[in-house]
Amino acid sequence: MALPSRLTQYMETSKQREFAQDFTVGWETYETWEDATVGDHGPAAHTFTIDDEDIAAYNRSCGETGPLYVDPEYARQHSPTGQILQHPIFATTIGFYTVGACGIGSWMRTPGARNPGQIIETIEPYRNGEIVTNTITTKEKFIQRGKHYITMFMEFHNQEGTLKGTWECSLILPASKADVARFADALKPRS
């Protein structure tokens, strides 16, 4: 399933263009609700090297227009941090990019998933050139009113070990791999 043309204008950076947009491709390798184990803890599959273009592109896609958010040169001279400011939920782009298509946390890509809530905390701003790692902990999973919830806690550290931020990510997921298959099949284009 190709990205709708109205959204391709937001694919400005090499990371955005390289990132697999169609989560129905390869869903069979995703961790499922039934597979996830509370207490599992480990590193995400990828790191994220912060570039000014990543921050500016994310900010623009969120509707930011102020030069402190979209113009790195202006921000270097005028921002309180000396760098481009990031939208408060910039960490989501780091989370999705670092979590792989299999293993711990890959369930966040699941077709049919719904978002009941997130808690994102920025401890200190992300800075150009930092290499960010993501450590994931499967925090809880439960069934409420017939819906299957799962929550993971992500911690983002730079190359020096400094905690940059956290993201508690919760989703309502299809109950089983068979249920995910039904969602993925329903999203396939029909001829």
N, C-alpha and C. Protein backbone atom coordinates (compact mmCIF):
# COMPACT_ATOMS: atom_id res chain seq x y z
N MET A 1 0.85 -1.16 0.00
CA MET A 1 0.00 0.00 0.00
C MET A 1 0.90 1.23 0.00
N ALA A 2 0.82 2.02 -1.03
CA ALA A 2 1.64 3.22 -1.17
C ALA A 2 1.09 4.34 -0.29
N LEU A 3 1.97 5.21 0.12
CA LEU A 3 1.58 6.37 0.90
C LEU A 3 0.72 7.27 0.02
N PRO A 4 -0.43 7.76 0.53
CA PRO A 4 -1.27 8.66 -0.27
C PRO A 4 -0.47 9.88 -0.75
N SER A 5 -0.72 10.30 -1.97
CA SER A 5 0.06 11.40 -2.57
C SER A 5 -0.03 12.68 -1.74
N ARG A 6 -1.14 12.91 -1.05
CA ARG A 6 -1.27 14.12 -0.25
C ARG A 6 -0.29 14.14 0.92
N LEU A 7 0.26 12.97 1.30
CA LEU A 7 1.20 12.89 2.41
C LEU A 7 2.66 12.86 1.96
N THR A 8 2.91 12.55 0.69
CA THR A 8 4.29 12.43 0.23
C THR A 8 5.06 13.75 0.35
N GLN A 9 4.36 14.87 0.33
CA GLN A 9 5.04 16.16 0.48
C GLN A 9 5.75 16.29 1.82
N TYR A 10 5.33 15.49 2.80
CA TYR A 10 5.95 15.56 4.12
C TYR A 10 7.15 14.63 4.25
N MET A 11 7.43 13.84 3.26
CA MET A 11 8.58 12.94 3.28
C MET A 11 9.80 13.71 2.76
N GLU A 12 10.38 14.52 3.61
CA GLU A 12 11.45 15.44 3.23
C GLU A 12 12.85 14.88 3.48
N THR A 13 13.03 14.05 4.49
CA THR A 13 14.36 13.62 4.89
C THR A 13 14.66 12.21 4.39
N SER A 14 15.92 11.86 4.39
CA SER A 14 16.30 10.51 3.96
C SER A 14 15.72 9.47 4.91
N LYS A 15 15.68 9.75 6.21
CA LYS A 15 15.09 8.80 7.16
C LYS A 15 13.61 8.57 6.85
N GLN A 16 12.89 9.64 6.56
CA GLN A 16 11.46 9.51 6.25
C GLN A 16 11.25 8.68 4.98
N ARG A 17 12.05 8.94 3.97
CA ARG A 17 11.88 8.23 2.70
C ARG A 17 12.26 6.75 2.82
N GLU A 18 13.24 6.43 3.67
CA GLU A 18 13.70 5.06 3.84
C GLU A 18 12.81 4.24 4.78
N PHE A 19 12.06 4.90 5.64
CA PHE A 19 11.24 4.21 6.63
C PHE A 19 10.06 3.52 5.95
N ALA A 20 9.83 2.27 6.28
CA ALA A 20 8.72 1.51 5.70
C ALA A 20 7.39 2.09 6.20
N GLN A 21 6.62 2.66 5.29
CA GLN A 21 5.36 3.31 5.65
C GLN A 21 4.18 2.33 5.76
N ASP A 22 4.27 1.23 5.05
CA ASP A 22 3.16 0.27 5.00
C ASP A 22 3.36 -0.80 6.05
N PHE A 23 2.67 -0.66 7.18
CA PHE A 23 2.82 -1.60 8.28
C PHE A 23 2.11 -2.93 8.02
N THR A 24 1.40 -3.05 6.89
CA THR A 24 0.79 -4.34 6.56
C THR A 24 1.81 -5.27 5.90
N VAL A 25 2.93 -4.74 5.46
CA VAL A 25 3.98 -5.56 4.86
C VAL A 25 4.86 -6.10 5.99
N GLY A 26 4.94 -7.40 6.10
CA GLY A 26 5.78 -8.02 7.12
C GLY A 26 5.16 -8.10 8.50
N TRP A 27 3.87 -7.86 8.60
CA TRP A 27 3.21 -7.89 9.91
C TRP A 27 3.39 -9.24 10.61
N GLU A 28 3.66 -10.27 9.84
CA GLU A 28 3.80 -11.61 10.42
C GLU A 28 4.98 -11.69 11.40
N THR A 29 5.94 -10.77 11.28
CA THR A 29 7.11 -10.79 12.17
C THR A 29 6.91 -9.92 13.41
N TYR A 30 5.82 -9.15 13.47
CA TYR A 30 5.60 -8.27 14.61
C TYR A 30 5.28 -9.08 15.86
N GLU A 31 5.74 -8.57 16.98
CA GLU A 31 5.33 -9.13 18.26
C GLU A 31 3.83 -8.86 18.40
N THR A 32 3.07 -9.82 18.87
CA THR A 32 1.62 -9.63 19.02
C THR A 32 1.27 -9.52 20.51
N TRP A 33 0.01 -9.17 20.75
CA TRP A 33 -0.45 -9.07 22.14
C TRP A 33 -0.23 -10.40 22.85
N GLU A 34 -0.58 -11.49 22.17
CA GLU A 34 -0.46 -12.79 22.81
C GLU A 34 1.01 -13.20 23.03
N ASP A 35 1.95 -12.67 22.23
CA ASP A 35 3.37 -13.00 22.36
C ASP A 35 4.10 -12.16 23.40
N ALA A 36 3.65 -10.94 23.62
CA ALA A 36 4.36 -10.00 24.49
C ALA A 36 4.38 -10.50 25.93
N THR A 37 5.52 -10.31 26.58
CA THR A 37 5.69 -10.74 27.97
C THR A 37 6.00 -9.52 28.83
N VAL A 38 5.15 -9.29 29.82
CA VAL A 38 5.36 -8.17 30.74
C VAL A 38 6.71 -8.37 31.43
N GLY A 39 7.50 -7.32 31.48
CA GLY A 39 8.81 -7.36 32.09
C GLY A 39 9.95 -7.53 31.09
N ASP A 40 9.63 -7.93 29.84
CA ASP A 40 10.68 -7.99 28.82
C ASP A 40 11.33 -6.61 28.71
N HIS A 41 12.64 -6.61 28.54
CA HIS A 41 13.39 -5.36 28.56
C HIS A 41 14.58 -5.52 27.61
N GLY A 42 14.79 -4.54 26.76
CA GLY A 42 15.93 -4.63 25.87
C GLY A 42 16.04 -3.44 24.94
N PRO A 43 17.12 -3.43 24.17
CA PRO A 43 17.34 -2.31 23.25
C PRO A 43 16.45 -2.44 22.01
N ALA A 44 16.08 -1.30 21.46
CA ALA A 44 15.37 -1.27 20.18
C ALA A 44 16.34 -1.70 19.08
N ALA A 45 15.81 -2.03 17.93
CA ALA A 45 16.60 -2.56 16.83
C ALA A 45 17.55 -1.54 16.20
N HIS A 46 17.20 -0.25 16.26
CA HIS A 46 17.97 0.77 15.55
C HIS A 46 18.28 1.95 16.46
N THR A 47 19.27 2.75 16.07
CA THR A 47 19.54 4.02 16.72
C THR A 47 19.01 5.13 15.81
N PHE A 48 18.94 6.34 16.34
CA PHE A 48 18.45 7.49 15.59
C PHE A 48 19.46 8.61 15.76
N THR A 49 20.12 8.99 14.68
CA THR A 49 21.05 10.12 14.73
C THR A 49 20.26 11.39 14.43
N ILE A 50 20.25 12.30 15.39
CA ILE A 50 19.46 13.53 15.26
C ILE A 50 20.13 14.45 14.25
N ASP A 51 19.36 14.88 13.26
CA ASP A 51 19.79 15.89 12.30
C ASP A 51 18.80 17.04 12.37
N ASP A 52 19.30 18.27 12.20
CA ASP A 52 18.40 19.42 12.18
C ASP A 52 17.25 19.20 11.20
N GLU A 53 17.54 18.57 10.04
CA GLU A 53 16.48 18.36 9.05
C GLU A 53 15.38 17.46 9.59
N ASP A 54 15.72 16.49 10.45
CA ASP A 54 14.70 15.62 11.04
C ASP A 54 13.74 16.43 11.90
N ILE A 55 14.32 17.29 12.73
CA ILE A 55 13.50 18.10 13.63
C ILE A 55 12.65 19.08 12.84
N ALA A 56 13.26 19.80 11.91
CA ALA A 56 12.52 20.80 11.12
C ALA A 56 11.40 20.15 10.31
N ALA A 57 11.67 19.01 9.69
CA ALA A 57 10.65 18.33 8.89
C ALA A 57 9.50 17.86 9.77
N TYR A 58 9.81 17.31 10.94
CA TYR A 58 8.76 16.87 11.85
C TYR A 58 7.92 18.06 12.30
N ASN A 59 8.59 19.15 12.66
CA ASN A 59 7.88 20.35 13.09
C ASN A 59 6.94 20.86 12.00
N ARG A 60 7.43 20.91 10.76
CA ARG A 60 6.57 21.37 9.66
C ARG A 60 5.37 20.45 9.46
N SER A 61 5.58 19.14 9.59
CA SER A 61 4.47 18.21 9.39
C SER A 61 3.42 18.34 10.49
N CYS A 62 3.82 18.91 11.64
CA CYS A 62 2.88 19.17 12.73
C CYS A 62 2.23 20.55 12.62
N GLY A 63 2.58 21.29 11.57
CA GLY A 63 1.98 22.59 11.35
C GLY A 63 2.76 23.76 11.92
N GLU A 64 3.95 23.50 12.45
CA GLU A 64 4.77 24.59 13.00
C GLU A 64 5.26 25.47 11.84
N THR A 65 5.28 26.78 12.07
CA THR A 65 5.78 27.71 11.06
C THR A 65 6.79 28.70 11.61
N GLY A 66 6.92 28.78 12.92
CA GLY A 66 7.84 29.73 13.54
C GLY A 66 9.28 29.38 13.22
N PRO A 67 10.12 30.40 12.98
CA PRO A 67 11.50 30.14 12.57
C PRO A 67 12.33 29.38 13.61
N LEU A 68 11.99 29.47 14.89
CA LEU A 68 12.72 28.69 15.90
C LEU A 68 12.48 27.20 15.72
N TYR A 69 11.39 26.83 15.02
CA TYR A 69 11.02 25.43 14.82
C TYR A 69 11.34 24.91 13.42
N VAL A 70 11.50 25.79 12.46
CA VAL A 70 11.67 25.31 11.08
C VAL A 70 12.91 25.83 10.38
N ASP A 71 13.65 26.74 11.00
CA ASP A 71 14.83 27.32 10.36
C ASP A 71 16.05 27.13 11.28
N PRO A 72 16.86 26.08 11.03
CA PRO A 72 17.98 25.80 11.91
C PRO A 72 18.96 26.97 12.06
N GLU A 73 19.24 27.70 10.98
CA GLU A 73 20.17 28.83 11.05
C GLU A 73 19.63 29.93 11.97
N TYR A 74 18.36 30.27 11.79
CA TYR A 74 17.73 31.28 12.64
C TYR A 74 17.75 30.82 14.10
N ALA A 75 17.41 29.55 14.32
CA ALA A 75 17.34 29.01 15.68
C ALA A 75 18.71 29.04 16.36
N ARG A 76 19.78 28.75 15.62
CA ARG A 76 21.12 28.77 16.23
C ARG A 76 21.45 30.16 16.81
N GLN A 77 20.91 31.20 16.20
CA GLN A 77 21.20 32.56 16.66
C GLN A 77 20.20 33.08 17.70
N HIS A 78 18.95 32.53 17.69
CA HIS A 78 17.91 33.13 18.53
C HIS A 78 17.26 32.21 19.55
N SER A 79 17.44 30.92 19.46
CA SER A 79 16.72 30.05 20.39
C SER A 79 17.42 29.99 21.74
N PRO A 80 16.69 29.71 22.80
CA PRO A 80 17.30 29.64 24.14
C PRO A 80 18.30 28.49 24.27
N THR A 81 18.21 27.49 23.40
CA THR A 81 19.14 26.35 23.46
C THR A 81 20.28 26.48 22.46
N GLY A 82 20.19 27.46 21.56
CA GLY A 82 21.18 27.59 20.51
C GLY A 82 20.98 26.60 19.37
N GLN A 83 19.87 25.89 19.41
CA GLN A 83 19.55 24.91 18.37
C GLN A 83 18.07 25.00 18.04
N ILE A 84 17.71 24.35 16.95
CA ILE A 84 16.31 24.31 16.54
C ILE A 84 15.47 23.65 17.64
N LEU A 85 14.32 24.23 17.92
CA LEU A 85 13.43 23.67 18.93
C LEU A 85 12.60 22.55 18.30
N GLN A 86 12.20 21.58 19.11
CA GLN A 86 11.39 20.49 18.57
C GLN A 86 9.99 20.50 19.15
N HIS A 87 9.08 20.02 18.32
CA HIS A 87 7.69 19.84 18.73
C HIS A 87 7.67 18.92 19.95
N PRO A 88 6.75 19.13 20.89
CA PRO A 88 6.74 18.33 22.12
C PRO A 88 6.64 16.81 21.91
N ILE A 89 6.10 16.37 20.79
CA ILE A 89 6.00 14.92 20.60
C ILE A 89 6.99 14.39 19.56
N PHE A 90 8.09 15.10 19.37
CA PHE A 90 9.14 14.65 18.45
C PHE A 90 9.62 13.24 18.80
N ALA A 91 9.56 12.87 20.05
CA ALA A 91 10.02 11.54 20.48
C ALA A 91 9.28 10.41 19.75
N THR A 92 8.07 10.67 19.27
CA THR A 92 7.35 9.59 18.56
C THR A 92 8.09 9.17 17.30
N THR A 93 8.70 10.13 16.63
CA THR A 93 9.44 9.77 15.41
C THR A 93 10.66 8.92 15.76
N ILE A 94 11.29 9.21 16.90
CA ILE A 94 12.43 8.41 17.36
C ILE A 94 11.95 7.00 17.72
N GLY A 95 10.84 6.92 18.44
CA GLY A 95 10.32 5.62 18.85
C GLY A 95 9.99 4.72 17.67
N PHE A 96 9.21 5.24 16.72
CA PHE A 96 8.84 4.43 15.56
C PHE A 96 10.06 4.05 14.72
N TYR A 97 11.01 4.96 14.58
CA TYR A 97 12.19 4.68 13.75
C TYR A 97 13.08 3.62 14.40
N THR A 98 13.21 3.66 15.73
CA THR A 98 14.15 2.75 16.39
C THR A 98 13.59 1.36 16.61
N VAL A 99 12.28 1.24 16.81
CA VAL A 99 11.67 -0.08 17.02
C VAL A 99 11.69 -0.83 15.69
N GLY A 100 12.15 -2.04 15.72
CA GLY A 100 12.25 -2.82 14.49
C GLY A 100 10.95 -3.49 14.08
N ALA A 101 11.01 -4.22 13.00
CA ALA A 101 9.84 -4.93 12.47
C ALA A 101 9.67 -6.30 13.12
N CYS A 102 10.52 -6.63 14.06
CA CYS A 102 10.34 -7.85 14.84
C CYS A 102 10.95 -7.62 16.21
N GLY A 103 10.58 -8.44 17.15
CA GLY A 103 11.13 -8.33 18.50
C GLY A 103 10.36 -7.37 19.38
N ILE A 104 10.94 -7.07 20.52
CA ILE A 104 10.27 -6.27 21.55
C ILE A 104 9.78 -4.93 20.99
N GLY A 105 8.52 -4.66 21.25
CA GLY A 105 7.92 -3.39 20.86
C GLY A 105 7.42 -3.30 19.43
N SER A 106 7.71 -4.30 18.61
CA SER A 106 7.29 -4.22 17.20
C SER A 106 5.78 -4.22 17.06
N TRP A 107 5.07 -4.59 18.10
CA TRP A 107 3.61 -4.56 18.07
C TRP A 107 3.06 -3.15 17.81
N MET A 108 3.87 -2.11 18.04
CA MET A 108 3.37 -0.75 17.83
C MET A 108 3.03 -0.47 16.36
N ARG A 109 3.48 -1.36 15.44
CA ARG A 109 3.18 -1.21 14.01
C ARG A 109 1.94 -2.01 13.57
N THR A 110 1.29 -2.66 14.48
CA THR A 110 0.24 -3.62 14.17
C THR A 110 -0.95 -3.01 13.44
N PRO A 111 -1.31 -3.58 12.26
CA PRO A 111 -2.55 -3.16 11.60
C PRO A 111 -3.74 -3.40 12.52
N GLY A 112 -4.63 -2.43 12.59
CA GLY A 112 -5.81 -2.54 13.43
C GLY A 112 -5.62 -2.01 14.84
N ALA A 113 -4.42 -1.55 15.17
CA ALA A 113 -4.16 -1.02 16.50
C ALA A 113 -4.83 0.35 16.65
N ARG A 114 -5.25 0.64 17.87
CA ARG A 114 -5.84 1.94 18.19
C ARG A 114 -5.11 2.53 19.39
N ASN A 115 -5.08 3.85 19.46
CA ASN A 115 -4.28 4.56 20.44
C ASN A 115 -5.16 5.12 21.56
N PRO A 116 -5.13 4.51 22.76
CA PRO A 116 -5.93 5.05 23.86
C PRO A 116 -5.22 6.14 24.66
N GLY A 117 -3.91 6.30 24.46
CA GLY A 117 -3.21 7.36 25.18
C GLY A 117 -1.72 7.15 25.25
N GLN A 118 -1.00 8.25 25.40
CA GLN A 118 0.46 8.24 25.46
C GLN A 118 0.89 9.24 26.53
N ILE A 119 2.05 8.96 27.11
CA ILE A 119 2.68 9.93 28.00
C ILE A 119 4.11 10.11 27.50
N ILE A 120 4.41 11.32 27.03
CA ILE A 120 5.73 11.62 26.50
C ILE A 120 6.36 12.70 27.37
N GLU A 121 7.58 12.45 27.81
CA GLU A 121 8.29 13.43 28.63
C GLU A 121 9.64 13.73 27.99
N THR A 122 9.91 15.00 27.76
CA THR A 122 11.22 15.42 27.28
C THR A 122 12.00 15.90 28.49
N ILE A 123 13.11 15.22 28.78
CA ILE A 123 13.95 15.58 29.92
C ILE A 123 14.85 16.76 29.54
N GLU A 124 15.44 16.65 28.36
CA GLU A 124 16.21 17.77 27.81
C GLU A 124 16.09 17.70 26.29
N PRO A 125 16.25 18.83 25.62
CA PRO A 125 16.06 18.86 24.16
C PRO A 125 17.01 17.90 23.43
N TYR A 126 16.51 17.34 22.35
CA TYR A 126 17.35 16.54 21.46
C TYR A 126 18.19 17.52 20.65
N ARG A 127 19.44 17.17 20.42
CA ARG A 127 20.36 18.09 19.76
C ARG A 127 20.95 17.49 18.50
N ASN A 128 21.17 18.35 17.53
CA ASN A 128 21.78 17.95 16.27
C ASN A 128 23.06 17.15 16.53
N GLY A 129 23.19 16.00 15.89
CA GLY A 129 24.38 15.17 16.01
C GLY A 129 24.32 14.10 17.08
N GLU A 130 23.35 14.18 17.97
CA GLU A 130 23.24 13.13 19.00
C GLU A 130 22.82 11.81 18.36
N ILE A 131 23.34 10.73 18.91
CA ILE A 131 22.93 9.39 18.50
C ILE A 131 22.08 8.85 19.64
N VAL A 132 20.80 8.62 19.35
CA VAL A 132 19.84 8.25 20.38
C VAL A 132 19.55 6.76 20.31
N THR A 133 19.65 6.11 21.47
CA THR A 133 19.25 4.71 21.60
C THR A 133 17.92 4.67 22.36
N ASN A 134 17.21 3.59 22.17
CA ASN A 134 15.90 3.41 22.78
C ASN A 134 15.93 2.08 23.53
N THR A 135 15.68 2.13 24.83
CA THR A 135 15.55 0.91 25.62
C THR A 135 14.07 0.73 25.94
N ILE A 136 13.57 -0.46 25.64
CA ILE A 136 12.13 -0.74 25.74
C ILE A 136 11.86 -1.73 26.87
N THR A 137 10.80 -1.45 27.62
CA THR A 137 10.31 -2.38 28.64
C THR A 137 8.83 -2.61 28.38
N THR A 138 8.44 -3.87 28.29
CA THR A 138 7.01 -4.20 28.19
C THR A 138 6.45 -4.04 29.60
N LYS A 139 5.61 -3.03 29.77
CA LYS A 139 5.17 -2.62 31.11
C LYS A 139 3.93 -3.38 31.58
N GLU A 140 2.93 -3.48 30.72
CA GLU A 140 1.71 -4.18 31.13
C GLU A 140 0.90 -4.59 29.91
N LYS A 141 0.07 -5.60 30.11
CA LYS A 141 -0.93 -5.97 29.11
C LYS A 141 -2.13 -6.49 29.88
N PHE A 142 -3.30 -6.14 29.39
CA PHE A 142 -4.51 -6.53 30.09
C PHE A 142 -5.69 -6.48 29.12
N ILE A 143 -6.78 -7.06 29.55
CA ILE A 143 -8.02 -7.03 28.77
C ILE A 143 -9.03 -6.22 29.58
N GLN A 144 -9.63 -5.24 28.93
CA GLN A 144 -10.65 -4.42 29.58
C GLN A 144 -11.79 -4.22 28.59
N ARG A 145 -13.01 -4.53 29.03
CA ARG A 145 -14.21 -4.44 28.18
C ARG A 145 -13.99 -5.15 26.84
N GLY A 146 -13.32 -6.31 26.90
CA GLY A 146 -13.11 -7.12 25.70
C GLY A 146 -12.01 -6.63 24.77
N LYS A 147 -11.30 -5.60 25.17
CA LYS A 147 -10.23 -5.04 24.33
C LYS A 147 -8.88 -5.40 24.94
N HIS A 148 -7.89 -5.66 24.08
CA HIS A 148 -6.56 -6.10 24.49
C HIS A 148 -5.59 -4.92 24.47
N TYR A 149 -5.17 -4.50 25.66
CA TYR A 149 -4.27 -3.35 25.83
C TYR A 149 -2.86 -3.83 26.10
N ILE A 150 -1.91 -3.07 25.61
CA ILE A 150 -0.50 -3.32 25.93
C ILE A 150 0.21 -1.97 26.05
N THR A 151 1.14 -1.91 26.97
CA THR A 151 1.88 -0.67 27.22
C THR A 151 3.37 -1.00 27.29
N MET A 152 4.17 -0.18 26.61
CA MET A 152 5.62 -0.29 26.77
C MET A 152 6.15 1.07 27.21
N PHE A 153 7.29 1.01 27.86
CA PHE A 153 7.95 2.21 28.33
C PHE A 153 9.28 2.30 27.59
N MET A 154 9.51 3.42 26.91
CA MET A 154 10.74 3.62 26.16
C MET A 154 11.57 4.72 26.83
N GLU A 155 12.86 4.48 26.90
CA GLU A 155 13.80 5.47 27.44
C GLU A 155 14.80 5.81 26.35
N PHE A 156 14.91 7.08 26.05
CA PHE A 156 15.81 7.56 25.00
C PHE A 156 17.06 8.19 25.63
N HIS A 157 18.22 7.63 25.29
CA HIS A 157 19.51 8.13 25.79
C HIS A 157 20.38 8.55 24.62
N ASN A 158 21.20 9.57 24.83
CA ASN A 158 22.17 9.93 23.79
C ASN A 158 23.42 9.07 23.93
N GLN A 159 24.40 9.31 23.07
CA GLN A 159 25.62 8.50 23.04
C GLN A 159 26.44 8.61 24.32
N GLU A 160 26.18 9.61 25.12
CA GLU A 160 26.90 9.78 26.39
C GLU A 160 26.14 9.16 27.57
N GLY A 161 24.98 8.57 27.27
CA GLY A 161 24.18 7.94 28.32
C GLY A 161 23.20 8.87 29.00
N THR A 162 23.11 10.11 28.54
CA THR A 162 22.19 11.08 29.13
C THR A 162 20.75 10.75 28.74
N LEU A 163 19.87 10.67 29.72
CA LEU A 163 18.45 10.43 29.46
C LEU A 163 17.85 11.68 28.83
N LYS A 164 17.38 11.54 27.61
CA LYS A 164 16.81 12.67 26.86
C LYS A 164 15.29 12.75 27.03
N GLY A 165 14.64 11.60 27.12
CA GLY A 165 13.20 11.59 27.25
C GLY A 165 12.66 10.19 27.40
N THR A 166 11.36 10.13 27.67
CA THR A 166 10.68 8.84 27.82
C THR A 166 9.35 8.89 27.07
N TRP A 167 8.86 7.71 26.74
CA TRP A 167 7.55 7.59 26.09
C TRP A 167 6.88 6.34 26.62
N GLU A 168 5.75 6.52 27.27
CA GLU A 168 4.91 5.40 27.66
C GLU A 168 3.85 5.27 26.57
N CYS A 169 3.95 4.21 25.81
CA CYS A 169 3.14 4.02 24.61
C CYS A 169 2.14 2.90 24.85
N SER A 170 0.86 3.22 24.75
CA SER A 170 -0.19 2.21 24.93
C SER A 170 -1.01 2.09 23.66
N LEU A 171 -1.37 0.87 23.34
CA LEU A 171 -2.24 0.62 22.19
C LEU A 171 -3.27 -0.45 22.56
N ILE A 172 -4.39 -0.39 21.86
CA ILE A 172 -5.35 -1.49 21.87
C ILE A 172 -5.05 -2.28 20.61
N LEU A 173 -4.76 -3.57 20.77
CA LEU A 173 -4.34 -4.40 19.65
C LEU A 173 -5.36 -5.48 19.33
N PRO A 174 -5.34 -5.98 18.11
CA PRO A 174 -6.09 -7.20 17.83
C PRO A 174 -5.59 -8.29 18.79
N ALA A 175 -6.48 -9.18 19.19
CA ALA A 175 -6.18 -10.15 20.24
C ALA A 175 -5.16 -11.21 19.84
N SER A 176 -5.12 -11.58 18.58
CA SER A 176 -4.26 -12.69 18.17
C SER A 176 -3.67 -12.43 16.79
N LYS A 177 -2.71 -13.26 16.40
CA LYS A 177 -2.10 -13.17 15.07
C LYS A 177 -3.18 -13.34 13.99
N ALA A 178 -4.14 -14.21 14.24
CA ALA A 178 -5.24 -14.41 13.28
C ALA A 178 -6.07 -13.14 13.12
N ASP A 179 -6.29 -12.42 14.22
CA ASP A 179 -7.03 -11.15 14.14
C ASP A 179 -6.23 -10.09 13.38
N VAL A 180 -4.92 -10.06 13.60
CA VAL A 180 -4.06 -9.12 12.86
C VAL A 180 -4.14 -9.44 11.37
N ALA A 181 -4.12 -10.72 11.03
CA ALA A 181 -4.20 -11.15 9.62
C ALA A 181 -5.47 -10.63 8.97
N ARG A 182 -6.58 -10.66 9.70
CA ARG A 182 -7.85 -10.15 9.14
C ARG A 182 -7.76 -8.65 8.86
N PHE A 183 -7.16 -7.89 9.78
CA PHE A 183 -6.98 -6.45 9.54
C PHE A 183 -6.07 -6.20 8.34
N ALA A 184 -4.94 -6.90 8.30
CA ALA A 184 -3.99 -6.70 7.20
C ALA A 184 -4.65 -7.05 5.87
N ASP A 185 -5.42 -8.11 5.84
CA ASP A 185 -6.09 -8.53 4.61
C ASP A 185 -7.15 -7.48 4.20
N ALA A 186 -7.85 -6.93 5.16
CA ALA A 186 -8.89 -5.94 4.85
C ALA A 186 -8.30 -4.65 4.29
N LEU A 187 -7.04 -4.37 4.60
CA LEU A 187 -6.39 -3.16 4.11
C LEU A 187 -5.76 -3.30 2.72
N LYS A 188 -5.70 -4.54 2.22
CA LYS A 188 -5.11 -4.76 0.90
C LYS A 188 -5.99 -4.15 -0.18
N PRO A 189 -5.37 -3.53 -1.18
CA PRO A 189 -6.16 -2.99 -2.28
C PRO A 189 -6.87 -4.12 -3.03
N ARG A 190 -8.08 -3.87 -3.42
CA ARG A 190 -8.88 -4.83 -4.19
C ARG A 190 -8.90 -4.42 -5.64
N SER A 191 -8.82 -5.40 -6.53
CA SER A 191 -8.85 -5.06 -7.96
C SER A 191 -10.24 -5.12 -8.52
